[in-house]
Amino acid sequence: NCHTADLTLTTRQPAIDKSGGVVVFSHLKTLTKMSATLKPYLTAVRHTLTAAMCLDNFSSQVVERHNKPEVEVRTSKELLLNPVVISRNEKEKVLIESSVNSIRISISVKQADEIEKILCKKFMRFMMMRAENFIVLRRKPIEGYDISFLITNFHTEQMYKHKLVDFVIHFMEEIDKEISEMKLAVNARARIVSEEFLKRF
């Protein structure tokens, strides 16, 4: 089985149109629009990952009886493939580095303001401290990116390849929603605190 992150979202209250008595889920429209703009980006990442995840067991050509991820050790250039960068915009991009026996996926998450930067940093740190629970998660991201995954031939032998691809795509779909929900919660809490504080004056 492929271990996946349990990223849950809080459900916002629907807005009720009193004139017609119709319940309008305004946030669903936003999420639908967001999904539509994300689709080409995620499709490109999915196809690239599927093509790159043709990994094979390969022993080190430098050290006898060693089997290390070549994408990490980088001792033999002939075993490395050209890295691919898939970019949605200047802030959202994915770096896919492949080799004969491993693939490294680095993701840069959209961060529109300082609050999102702080939330993203804290959330990624929380996940990376528990990297062993996610199996394919790196404890430290590649420089310039927010989070990195390392998939080796041993992972593809023990898990379904398409499930590993699904996990990465699912993470990319949910992370923006999760950070947006946390930002809304922080803003709501700050509003309540400020209101309570101003009541004293």
N, C-alpha and C. Protein backbone atom coordinates (compact mmCIF):
# COMPACT_ATOMS: atom_id res chain seq x y z
N ASN A 1 0.84 -1.20 0.00
CA ASN A 1 0.00 0.00 0.00
C ASN A 1 0.88 1.24 0.00
N CYS A 2 0.43 2.28 -0.68
CA CYS A 2 1.15 3.54 -0.72
C CYS A 2 0.63 4.45 0.37
N HIS A 3 1.50 4.92 1.24
CA HIS A 3 1.09 5.79 2.34
C HIS A 3 0.79 7.18 1.79
N THR A 4 -0.33 7.73 2.14
CA THR A 4 -0.70 9.06 1.68
C THR A 4 -0.98 9.96 2.86
N ALA A 5 -0.79 11.25 2.65
CA ALA A 5 -1.03 12.22 3.71
C ALA A 5 -2.51 12.43 3.90
N ASP A 6 -2.94 12.53 5.14
CA ASP A 6 -4.35 12.76 5.45
C ASP A 6 -4.55 14.26 5.63
N LEU A 7 -4.81 14.95 4.51
CA LEU A 7 -4.98 16.39 4.54
C LEU A 7 -6.47 16.70 4.51
N THR A 8 -7.02 17.11 5.64
CA THR A 8 -8.45 17.36 5.73
C THR A 8 -8.72 18.85 5.67
N LEU A 9 -9.87 19.20 5.11
CA LEU A 9 -10.26 20.59 4.97
C LEU A 9 -11.49 20.87 5.80
N THR A 10 -11.52 22.03 6.40
CA THR A 10 -12.71 22.42 7.15
C THR A 10 -13.75 22.96 6.18
N THR A 11 -15.02 22.69 6.45
CA THR A 11 -16.10 23.11 5.56
C THR A 11 -16.67 24.43 6.04
N ARG A 12 -16.72 25.38 5.14
CA ARG A 12 -17.28 26.67 5.48
C ARG A 12 -18.80 26.63 5.44
N GLN A 13 -19.45 27.52 6.20
CA GLN A 13 -20.90 27.58 6.24
C GLN A 13 -21.43 28.14 4.93
N PRO A 14 -22.51 27.57 4.37
CA PRO A 14 -23.08 28.08 3.13
C PRO A 14 -23.79 29.40 3.35
N ALA A 15 -23.81 30.23 2.31
CA ALA A 15 -24.53 31.50 2.37
C ALA A 15 -25.95 31.26 1.87
N ILE A 16 -26.96 31.73 2.61
CA ILE A 16 -28.35 31.48 2.26
C ILE A 16 -28.94 32.73 1.61
N ASP A 17 -29.44 32.54 0.40
CA ASP A 17 -30.11 33.62 -0.32
C ASP A 17 -31.55 33.69 0.16
N LYS A 18 -31.87 34.70 0.99
CA LYS A 18 -33.19 34.78 1.61
C LYS A 18 -34.29 35.07 0.60
N SER A 19 -33.96 35.77 -0.48
CA SER A 19 -35.00 36.12 -1.45
C SER A 19 -35.55 34.90 -2.15
N GLY A 20 -34.68 33.98 -2.51
CA GLY A 20 -35.15 32.80 -3.22
C GLY A 20 -35.08 31.54 -2.40
N GLY A 21 -34.52 31.66 -1.20
CA GLY A 21 -34.40 30.49 -0.34
C GLY A 21 -33.43 29.45 -0.87
N VAL A 22 -32.45 29.89 -1.65
CA VAL A 22 -31.50 28.97 -2.26
C VAL A 22 -30.20 29.01 -1.48
N VAL A 23 -29.65 27.84 -1.21
CA VAL A 23 -28.37 27.77 -0.52
C VAL A 23 -27.26 27.87 -1.55
N VAL A 24 -26.39 28.85 -1.38
CA VAL A 24 -25.32 29.10 -2.34
C VAL A 24 -23.98 28.77 -1.69
N PHE A 25 -23.29 27.81 -2.24
CA PHE A 25 -21.97 27.46 -1.74
C PHE A 25 -20.95 28.25 -2.58
N SER A 26 -20.67 29.46 -2.14
CA SER A 26 -19.80 30.34 -2.94
C SER A 26 -18.39 29.79 -3.03
N HIS A 27 -17.92 29.11 -1.95
CA HIS A 27 -16.54 28.61 -1.97
C HIS A 27 -16.36 27.48 -2.97
N LEU A 28 -17.46 26.75 -3.28
CA LEU A 28 -17.35 25.67 -4.25
C LEU A 28 -17.04 26.21 -5.64
N LYS A 29 -17.61 27.39 -5.96
CA LYS A 29 -17.33 28.01 -7.25
C LYS A 29 -15.85 28.37 -7.35
N THR A 30 -15.31 28.89 -6.25
CA THR A 30 -13.89 29.26 -6.23
C THR A 30 -13.01 28.03 -6.40
N LEU A 31 -13.35 26.95 -5.68
CA LEU A 31 -12.57 25.72 -5.77
C LEU A 31 -12.65 25.12 -7.16
N THR A 32 -13.85 25.20 -7.80
CA THR A 32 -14.01 24.66 -9.14
C THR A 32 -13.15 25.42 -10.13
N LYS A 33 -13.16 26.76 -10.00
CA LYS A 33 -12.34 27.59 -10.88
C LYS A 33 -10.87 27.30 -10.67
N MET A 34 -10.47 27.14 -9.39
CA MET A 34 -9.08 26.85 -9.06
C MET A 34 -8.66 25.52 -9.66
N SER A 35 -9.55 24.51 -9.58
CA SER A 35 -9.25 23.20 -10.11
C SER A 35 -9.08 23.25 -11.62
N ALA A 36 -9.90 24.09 -12.27
CA ALA A 36 -9.83 24.22 -13.72
C ALA A 36 -8.50 24.82 -14.16
N THR A 37 -8.00 25.80 -13.42
CA THR A 37 -6.71 26.41 -13.77
C THR A 37 -5.55 25.50 -13.39
N LEU A 38 -5.73 24.67 -12.39
CA LEU A 38 -4.68 23.75 -11.96
C LEU A 38 -4.54 22.55 -12.88
N LYS A 39 -5.62 22.18 -13.56
CA LYS A 39 -5.66 20.92 -14.29
C LYS A 39 -4.54 20.75 -15.32
N PRO A 40 -4.29 21.74 -16.22
CA PRO A 40 -3.20 21.55 -17.19
C PRO A 40 -1.84 21.40 -16.52
N TYR A 41 -1.63 22.16 -15.46
CA TYR A 41 -0.37 22.10 -14.70
C TYR A 41 -0.17 20.72 -14.08
N LEU A 42 -1.20 20.21 -13.41
CA LEU A 42 -1.11 18.90 -12.76
C LEU A 42 -1.03 17.78 -13.79
N THR A 43 -1.71 17.94 -14.92
CA THR A 43 -1.65 16.93 -15.98
C THR A 43 -0.23 16.81 -16.53
N ALA A 44 0.43 17.95 -16.73
CA ALA A 44 1.81 17.94 -17.22
C ALA A 44 2.73 17.26 -16.21
N VAL A 45 2.54 17.56 -14.92
CA VAL A 45 3.35 16.94 -13.87
C VAL A 45 3.09 15.43 -13.83
N ARG A 46 1.83 15.03 -13.92
CA ARG A 46 1.47 13.61 -13.87
C ARG A 46 2.12 12.83 -15.02
N HIS A 47 2.03 13.35 -16.23
CA HIS A 47 2.60 12.66 -17.39
C HIS A 47 4.12 12.58 -17.30
N THR A 48 4.74 13.65 -16.82
CA THR A 48 6.20 13.66 -16.69
C THR A 48 6.65 12.67 -15.62
N LEU A 49 5.95 12.63 -14.49
CA LEU A 49 6.30 11.68 -13.43
C LEU A 49 6.11 10.24 -13.89
N THR A 50 5.02 9.99 -14.59
CA THR A 50 4.75 8.63 -15.08
C THR A 50 5.86 8.17 -16.02
N ALA A 51 6.31 9.07 -16.90
CA ALA A 51 7.38 8.72 -17.84
C ALA A 51 8.72 8.55 -17.13
N ALA A 52 8.96 9.37 -16.11
CA ALA A 52 10.26 9.36 -15.43
C ALA A 52 10.39 8.22 -14.43
N MET A 53 9.27 7.64 -14.00
CA MET A 53 9.31 6.64 -12.94
C MET A 53 9.57 5.23 -13.48
N CYS A 54 10.48 5.13 -14.45
CA CYS A 54 10.93 3.82 -14.95
C CYS A 54 12.27 3.52 -14.28
N LEU A 55 12.22 3.10 -13.04
CA LEU A 55 13.42 2.93 -12.23
C LEU A 55 13.83 1.47 -12.18
N ASP A 56 15.14 1.25 -12.05
CA ASP A 56 15.67 -0.11 -12.01
C ASP A 56 16.74 -0.20 -10.93
N ASN A 57 16.92 -1.40 -10.40
CA ASN A 57 17.96 -1.63 -9.40
C ASN A 57 19.33 -1.47 -10.05
N PHE A 58 20.18 -0.64 -9.46
CA PHE A 58 21.48 -0.37 -10.08
C PHE A 58 22.51 -0.12 -8.98
N SER A 59 23.53 -0.96 -8.94
CA SER A 59 24.58 -0.82 -7.93
C SER A 59 25.55 0.29 -8.31
N SER A 60 26.23 0.83 -7.31
CA SER A 60 27.16 1.92 -7.54
C SER A 60 28.32 1.48 -8.42
N GLN A 61 28.72 2.37 -9.34
CA GLN A 61 29.88 2.08 -10.19
C GLN A 61 31.18 2.53 -9.54
N VAL A 62 31.07 3.19 -8.40
CA VAL A 62 32.25 3.74 -7.73
C VAL A 62 32.63 2.93 -6.50
N VAL A 63 31.63 2.58 -5.69
CA VAL A 63 31.87 1.84 -4.44
C VAL A 63 31.24 0.46 -4.56
N GLU A 64 32.03 -0.56 -4.29
CA GLU A 64 31.53 -1.93 -4.42
C GLU A 64 30.48 -2.24 -3.35
N ARG A 65 29.46 -2.99 -3.75
CA ARG A 65 28.38 -3.46 -2.87
C ARG A 65 27.58 -2.29 -2.26
N HIS A 66 27.54 -1.18 -2.95
CA HIS A 66 26.74 -0.04 -2.52
C HIS A 66 25.63 0.20 -3.54
N ASN A 67 24.47 0.52 -3.01
CA ASN A 67 23.34 0.86 -3.88
C ASN A 67 22.69 2.13 -3.34
N LYS A 68 23.11 3.26 -3.88
CA LYS A 68 22.63 4.56 -3.41
C LYS A 68 21.80 5.22 -4.51
N PRO A 69 20.86 6.09 -4.12
CA PRO A 69 20.11 6.84 -5.13
C PRO A 69 21.06 7.74 -5.93
N GLU A 70 21.20 7.45 -7.21
CA GLU A 70 22.14 8.21 -8.04
C GLU A 70 21.76 9.68 -8.17
N VAL A 71 20.47 9.98 -8.05
CA VAL A 71 20.04 11.37 -8.16
C VAL A 71 20.53 12.19 -6.97
N GLU A 72 20.89 11.50 -5.87
CA GLU A 72 21.42 12.17 -4.68
C GLU A 72 22.94 12.20 -4.68
N VAL A 73 23.58 11.06 -4.93
CA VAL A 73 25.05 10.99 -4.84
C VAL A 73 25.72 11.64 -6.05
N ARG A 74 25.11 11.51 -7.24
CA ARG A 74 25.58 12.15 -8.47
C ARG A 74 27.05 11.88 -8.75
N THR A 75 27.47 10.62 -8.64
CA THR A 75 28.86 10.26 -8.89
C THR A 75 29.12 9.87 -10.34
N SER A 76 28.07 9.47 -11.05
CA SER A 76 28.22 9.04 -12.44
C SER A 76 27.24 9.83 -13.32
N LYS A 77 27.78 10.74 -14.12
CA LYS A 77 26.92 11.62 -14.92
C LYS A 77 26.10 10.85 -15.95
N GLU A 78 26.64 9.73 -16.42
CA GLU A 78 25.92 8.97 -17.45
C GLU A 78 24.65 8.31 -16.92
N LEU A 79 24.49 8.26 -15.59
CA LEU A 79 23.31 7.65 -14.99
C LEU A 79 22.22 8.67 -14.69
N LEU A 80 22.50 9.96 -14.96
CA LEU A 80 21.55 11.02 -14.66
C LEU A 80 20.84 11.48 -15.92
N LEU A 81 19.55 11.75 -15.80
CA LEU A 81 18.78 12.29 -16.91
C LEU A 81 18.70 13.81 -16.77
N ASN A 82 18.29 14.46 -17.84
CA ASN A 82 18.14 15.92 -17.79
C ASN A 82 17.00 16.30 -16.86
N PRO A 83 17.23 17.23 -15.95
CA PRO A 83 16.14 17.67 -15.05
C PRO A 83 15.07 18.43 -15.82
N VAL A 84 13.84 18.33 -15.34
CA VAL A 84 12.70 18.98 -15.99
C VAL A 84 12.04 19.92 -14.98
N VAL A 85 11.80 21.15 -15.38
CA VAL A 85 11.07 22.12 -14.55
C VAL A 85 9.72 22.40 -15.20
N ILE A 86 8.65 22.14 -14.47
CA ILE A 86 7.29 22.45 -14.93
C ILE A 86 6.79 23.60 -14.09
N SER A 87 6.50 24.72 -14.74
CA SER A 87 6.16 25.95 -14.02
C SER A 87 4.76 26.42 -14.39
N ARG A 88 3.97 26.72 -13.38
CA ARG A 88 2.65 27.33 -13.59
C ARG A 88 2.77 28.84 -13.63
N ASN A 89 3.61 29.37 -12.77
CA ASN A 89 3.99 30.78 -12.77
C ASN A 89 5.33 30.87 -12.04
N GLU A 90 5.78 32.09 -11.79
CA GLU A 90 7.11 32.25 -11.18
C GLU A 90 7.17 31.73 -9.75
N LYS A 91 6.02 31.58 -9.09
CA LYS A 91 5.99 31.13 -7.70
C LYS A 91 5.64 29.66 -7.55
N GLU A 92 4.97 29.09 -8.53
CA GLU A 92 4.55 27.68 -8.48
C GLU A 92 5.27 26.90 -9.56
N LYS A 93 6.10 25.96 -9.13
CA LYS A 93 6.84 25.14 -10.09
C LYS A 93 7.24 23.82 -9.46
N VAL A 94 7.58 22.87 -10.33
CA VAL A 94 8.00 21.54 -9.89
C VAL A 94 9.29 21.19 -10.62
N LEU A 95 10.28 20.75 -9.88
CA LEU A 95 11.54 20.28 -10.45
C LEU A 95 11.58 18.76 -10.34
N ILE A 96 11.72 18.08 -11.48
CA ILE A 96 11.78 16.62 -11.51
C ILE A 96 13.17 16.21 -11.99
N GLU A 97 13.94 15.59 -11.10
CA GLU A 97 15.29 15.12 -11.42
C GLU A 97 15.28 13.59 -11.42
N SER A 98 15.72 13.02 -12.53
CA SER A 98 15.64 11.56 -12.68
C SER A 98 17.02 10.95 -12.84
N SER A 99 17.12 9.69 -12.44
CA SER A 99 18.33 8.90 -12.68
C SER A 99 17.91 7.46 -12.93
N VAL A 100 18.89 6.58 -13.08
CA VAL A 100 18.58 5.20 -13.42
C VAL A 100 17.82 4.48 -12.31
N ASN A 101 18.05 4.86 -11.05
CA ASN A 101 17.42 4.13 -9.94
C ASN A 101 16.65 5.01 -8.96
N SER A 102 16.49 6.28 -9.27
CA SER A 102 15.78 7.17 -8.33
C SER A 102 15.27 8.41 -9.04
N ILE A 103 14.29 9.04 -8.41
CA ILE A 103 13.72 10.28 -8.93
C ILE A 103 13.46 11.22 -7.75
N ARG A 104 13.81 12.49 -7.93
CA ARG A 104 13.63 13.49 -6.88
C ARG A 104 12.67 14.57 -7.39
N ILE A 105 11.62 14.81 -6.61
CA ILE A 105 10.59 15.77 -7.00
C ILE A 105 10.60 16.91 -5.99
N SER A 106 10.85 18.11 -6.45
CA SER A 106 10.86 19.29 -5.57
C SER A 106 9.73 20.22 -5.98
N ILE A 107 8.97 20.69 -5.00
CA ILE A 107 7.77 21.48 -5.27
C ILE A 107 7.90 22.85 -4.61
N SER A 108 7.60 23.88 -5.38
CA SER A 108 7.53 25.24 -4.87
C SER A 108 6.06 25.63 -4.78
N VAL A 109 5.60 25.97 -3.58
CA VAL A 109 4.19 26.24 -3.32
C VAL A 109 3.91 27.73 -3.41
N LYS A 110 2.74 28.08 -3.93
CA LYS A 110 2.35 29.49 -4.05
C LYS A 110 2.25 30.13 -2.66
N GLN A 111 2.89 31.30 -2.52
CA GLN A 111 2.85 32.05 -1.26
C GLN A 111 2.64 33.52 -1.61
N ALA A 112 1.39 33.96 -1.50
CA ALA A 112 1.00 35.29 -1.98
C ALA A 112 1.44 36.42 -1.05
N ASP A 113 1.50 36.14 0.26
CA ASP A 113 1.86 37.19 1.21
C ASP A 113 2.66 36.60 2.36
N GLU A 114 2.98 37.45 3.33
CA GLU A 114 3.83 37.01 4.45
C GLU A 114 3.15 35.95 5.31
N ILE A 115 1.84 36.06 5.48
CA ILE A 115 1.12 35.06 6.29
C ILE A 115 1.23 33.69 5.64
N GLU A 116 1.03 33.63 4.32
CA GLU A 116 1.12 32.35 3.62
C GLU A 116 2.54 31.80 3.66
N LYS A 117 3.54 32.67 3.63
CA LYS A 117 4.93 32.22 3.73
C LYS A 117 5.19 31.56 5.08
N ILE A 118 4.69 32.18 6.15
CA ILE A 118 4.88 31.63 7.49
C ILE A 118 4.13 30.31 7.64
N LEU A 119 2.87 30.28 7.17
CA LEU A 119 2.06 29.06 7.27
C LEU A 119 2.69 27.92 6.47
N CYS A 120 3.17 28.24 5.27
CA CYS A 120 3.79 27.22 4.42
C CYS A 120 5.06 26.68 5.07
N LYS A 121 5.88 27.56 5.61
CA LYS A 121 7.12 27.14 6.26
C LYS A 121 6.85 26.24 7.46
N LYS A 122 5.87 26.63 8.29
CA LYS A 122 5.54 25.84 9.48
C LYS A 122 4.95 24.49 9.10
N PHE A 123 4.06 24.50 8.10
CA PHE A 123 3.39 23.26 7.68
C PHE A 123 4.39 22.28 7.07
N MET A 124 5.29 22.79 6.22
CA MET A 124 6.30 21.93 5.60
C MET A 124 7.26 21.37 6.65
N ARG A 125 7.62 22.21 7.62
CA ARG A 125 8.51 21.74 8.69
C ARG A 125 7.84 20.65 9.50
N PHE A 126 6.53 20.83 9.77
CA PHE A 126 5.77 19.82 10.50
C PHE A 126 5.80 18.48 9.76
N MET A 127 5.64 18.52 8.44
CA MET A 127 5.64 17.29 7.65
C MET A 127 7.03 16.66 7.58
N MET A 128 8.04 17.49 7.35
CA MET A 128 9.39 16.95 7.18
C MET A 128 9.95 16.36 8.46
N MET A 129 9.48 16.84 9.61
CA MET A 129 9.89 16.24 10.88
C MET A 129 9.31 14.83 11.04
N ARG A 130 8.28 14.53 10.25
CA ARG A 130 7.65 13.21 10.28
C ARG A 130 7.84 12.49 8.95
N ALA A 131 9.01 12.71 8.34
CA ALA A 131 9.28 12.18 7.00
C ALA A 131 9.19 10.66 6.95
N GLU A 132 9.58 9.99 8.05
CA GLU A 132 9.56 8.52 8.03
C GLU A 132 8.14 7.98 7.89
N ASN A 133 7.13 8.75 8.30
CA ASN A 133 5.75 8.31 8.16
C ASN A 133 5.26 8.39 6.72
N PHE A 134 5.89 9.27 5.93
CA PHE A 134 5.49 9.43 4.53
C PHE A 134 6.37 8.62 3.59
N ILE A 135 7.44 8.04 4.10
CA ILE A 135 8.33 7.12 3.38
C ILE A 135 9.11 7.81 2.25
N VAL A 136 8.43 8.48 1.33
CA VAL A 136 9.11 9.07 0.16
C VAL A 136 9.44 10.55 0.36
N LEU A 137 9.18 11.08 1.55
CA LEU A 137 9.40 12.50 1.82
C LEU A 137 10.84 12.74 2.28
N ARG A 138 11.49 13.75 1.72
CA ARG A 138 12.84 14.13 2.13
C ARG A 138 12.77 15.01 3.37
N ARG A 139 13.77 14.87 4.25
CA ARG A 139 13.79 15.68 5.47
C ARG A 139 14.20 17.13 5.19
N LYS A 140 14.84 17.36 4.08
CA LYS A 140 15.27 18.72 3.73
C LYS A 140 14.99 18.95 2.25
N PRO A 141 14.32 20.07 1.92
CA PRO A 141 14.02 20.32 0.51
C PRO A 141 15.25 20.81 -0.25
N ILE A 142 15.20 20.71 -1.57
CA ILE A 142 16.24 21.27 -2.42
C ILE A 142 16.17 22.80 -2.32
N GLU A 143 17.32 23.45 -2.38
CA GLU A 143 17.36 24.91 -2.25
C GLU A 143 16.50 25.58 -3.32
N GLY A 144 15.67 26.50 -2.90
CA GLY A 144 14.80 27.20 -3.82
C GLY A 144 13.41 26.61 -3.91
N TYR A 145 13.19 25.48 -3.21
CA TYR A 145 11.88 24.82 -3.20
C TYR A 145 11.42 24.61 -1.76
N ASP A 146 10.13 24.34 -1.61
CA ASP A 146 9.55 24.24 -0.27
C ASP A 146 9.56 22.82 0.29
N ILE A 147 9.45 21.82 -0.58
CA ILE A 147 9.41 20.44 -0.12
C ILE A 147 9.90 19.52 -1.23
N SER A 148 10.54 18.43 -0.86
CA SER A 148 11.08 17.49 -1.84
C SER A 148 10.71 16.06 -1.49
N PHE A 149 10.50 15.26 -2.53
CA PHE A 149 10.24 13.83 -2.38
C PHE A 149 11.35 13.06 -3.07
N LEU A 150 11.73 11.92 -2.50
CA LEU A 150 12.73 11.04 -3.12
C LEU A 150 12.12 9.65 -3.28
N ILE A 151 12.01 9.22 -4.52
CA ILE A 151 11.45 7.90 -4.82
C ILE A 151 12.54 7.05 -5.46
N THR A 152 12.82 5.89 -4.89
CA THR A 152 13.85 4.99 -5.41
C THR A 152 13.21 3.75 -6.03
N ASN A 153 14.06 2.92 -6.62
CA ASN A 153 13.55 1.68 -7.23
C ASN A 153 12.96 0.75 -6.18
N PHE A 154 13.43 0.86 -4.94
CA PHE A 154 12.87 0.02 -3.87
C PHE A 154 11.43 0.41 -3.56
N HIS A 155 11.13 1.71 -3.65
CA HIS A 155 9.75 2.16 -3.44
C HIS A 155 8.84 1.65 -4.56
N THR A 156 9.32 1.73 -5.80
CA THR A 156 8.48 1.29 -6.92
C THR A 156 8.31 -0.23 -6.95
N GLU A 157 9.25 -0.96 -6.32
CA GLU A 157 9.11 -2.41 -6.22
C GLU A 157 8.10 -2.80 -5.15
N GLN A 158 7.97 -1.97 -4.11
CA GLN A 158 7.08 -2.27 -2.99
C GLN A 158 5.70 -1.64 -3.14
N MET A 159 5.60 -0.59 -3.94
CA MET A 159 4.33 0.14 -4.10
C MET A 159 3.97 0.24 -5.58
N TYR A 160 2.71 0.53 -5.83
CA TYR A 160 2.26 0.74 -7.20
C TYR A 160 2.77 2.09 -7.70
N LYS A 161 3.32 2.09 -8.91
CA LYS A 161 3.86 3.34 -9.46
C LYS A 161 2.77 4.40 -9.62
N HIS A 162 1.62 3.99 -10.13
CA HIS A 162 0.55 4.98 -10.36
C HIS A 162 0.03 5.55 -9.04
N LYS A 163 0.14 4.76 -7.95
CA LYS A 163 -0.28 5.28 -6.65
C LYS A 163 0.73 6.30 -6.12
N LEU A 164 2.00 6.09 -6.40
CA LEU A 164 3.01 7.07 -6.01
C LEU A 164 2.80 8.39 -6.75
N VAL A 165 2.49 8.29 -8.04
CA VAL A 165 2.19 9.49 -8.82
C VAL A 165 0.94 10.17 -8.28
N ASP A 166 -0.09 9.37 -7.97
CA ASP A 166 -1.34 9.91 -7.40
C ASP A 166 -1.08 10.65 -6.10
N PHE A 167 -0.18 10.11 -5.27
CA PHE A 167 0.14 10.74 -3.99
C PHE A 167 0.73 12.13 -4.18
N VAL A 168 1.69 12.25 -5.10
CA VAL A 168 2.33 13.54 -5.36
C VAL A 168 1.31 14.54 -5.92
N ILE A 169 0.48 14.09 -6.86
CA ILE A 169 -0.53 14.97 -7.45
C ILE A 169 -1.56 15.38 -6.40
N HIS A 170 -1.97 14.44 -5.57
CA HIS A 170 -2.94 14.74 -4.51
C HIS A 170 -2.36 15.77 -3.53
N PHE A 171 -1.09 15.62 -3.21
CA PHE A 171 -0.43 16.58 -2.32
C PHE A 171 -0.46 17.97 -2.94
N MET A 172 -0.14 18.07 -4.23
CA MET A 172 -0.12 19.36 -4.91
C MET A 172 -1.51 19.98 -4.98
N GLU A 173 -2.54 19.16 -5.12
CA GLU A 173 -3.91 19.66 -5.16
C GLU A 173 -4.34 20.20 -3.81
N GLU A 174 -3.98 19.49 -2.75
CA GLU A 174 -4.50 19.80 -1.42
C GLU A 174 -3.71 20.87 -0.67
N ILE A 175 -2.43 21.02 -0.99
CA ILE A 175 -1.60 21.92 -0.18
C ILE A 175 -2.07 23.36 -0.27
N ASP A 176 -2.46 23.81 -1.48
CA ASP A 176 -2.96 25.19 -1.63
C ASP A 176 -4.24 25.40 -0.84
N LYS A 177 -5.14 24.41 -0.90
CA LYS A 177 -6.40 24.51 -0.16
C LYS A 177 -6.14 24.54 1.34
N GLU A 178 -5.20 23.71 1.77
CA GLU A 178 -4.91 23.62 3.21
C GLU A 178 -4.34 24.94 3.73
N ILE A 179 -3.42 25.53 2.99
CA ILE A 179 -2.82 26.80 3.42
C ILE A 179 -3.87 27.91 3.39
N SER A 180 -4.75 27.90 2.38
CA SER A 180 -5.82 28.90 2.31
C SER A 180 -6.76 28.79 3.50
N GLU A 181 -7.10 27.55 3.88
CA GLU A 181 -7.98 27.34 5.03
C GLU A 181 -7.32 27.80 6.32
N MET A 182 -6.03 27.51 6.47
CA MET A 182 -5.31 27.96 7.67
C MET A 182 -5.23 29.48 7.73
N LYS A 183 -5.05 30.11 6.57
CA LYS A 183 -4.99 31.57 6.52
C LYS A 183 -6.33 32.18 6.93
N LEU A 184 -7.43 31.59 6.45
CA LEU A 184 -8.76 32.06 6.83
C LEU A 184 -8.98 31.92 8.34
N ALA A 185 -8.52 30.78 8.89
CA ALA A 185 -8.67 30.55 10.33
C ALA A 185 -7.87 31.56 11.14
N VAL A 186 -6.65 31.86 10.68
CA VAL A 186 -5.80 32.84 11.37
C VAL A 186 -6.44 34.23 11.32
N ASN A 187 -6.95 34.61 10.15
CA ASN A 187 -7.59 35.93 10.00
C ASN A 187 -8.85 36.04 10.86
N ALA A 188 -9.63 34.96 10.91
CA ALA A 188 -10.85 34.96 11.73
C ALA A 188 -10.51 35.09 13.21
N ARG A 189 -9.48 34.37 13.62
CA ARG A 189 -9.05 34.44 15.02
C ARG A 189 -8.53 35.84 15.36
N ALA A 190 -7.76 36.42 14.44
CA ALA A 190 -7.23 37.77 14.67
C ALA A 190 -8.35 38.79 14.75
N ARG A 191 -9.39 38.61 13.93
CA ARG A 191 -10.53 39.53 13.95
C ARG A 191 -11.25 39.47 15.30
N ILE A 192 -11.46 38.26 15.79
CA ILE A 192 -12.15 38.09 17.08
C ILE A 192 -11.33 38.68 18.22
N VAL A 193 -10.02 38.43 18.19
CA VAL A 193 -9.14 38.96 19.24
C VAL A 193 -9.15 40.49 19.22
N SER A 194 -9.07 41.08 18.03
CA SER A 194 -9.06 42.55 17.94
C SER A 194 -10.38 43.14 18.41
N GLU A 195 -11.50 42.47 18.08
CA GLU A 195 -12.81 42.95 18.53
C GLU A 195 -12.91 42.92 20.05
N GLU A 196 -12.44 41.82 20.65
CA GLU A 196 -12.48 41.70 22.11
C GLU A 196 -11.57 42.74 22.77
N PHE A 197 -10.44 42.99 22.13
CA PHE A 197 -9.51 43.98 22.69
C PHE A 197 -10.10 45.38 22.63
N LEU A 198 -10.75 45.73 21.52
CA LEU A 198 -11.30 47.08 21.34
C LEU A 198 -12.54 47.32 22.20
N LYS A 199 -13.17 46.26 22.69
CA LYS A 199 -14.34 46.43 23.56
C LYS A 199 -13.97 47.10 24.88
N ARG A 200 -12.71 47.05 25.25
CA ARG A 200 -12.27 47.62 26.52
C ARG A 200 -12.12 49.13 26.46
N PHE A 201 -12.19 49.70 25.27
CA PHE A 201 -11.97 51.14 25.13
C PHE A 201 -13.28 51.84 24.80
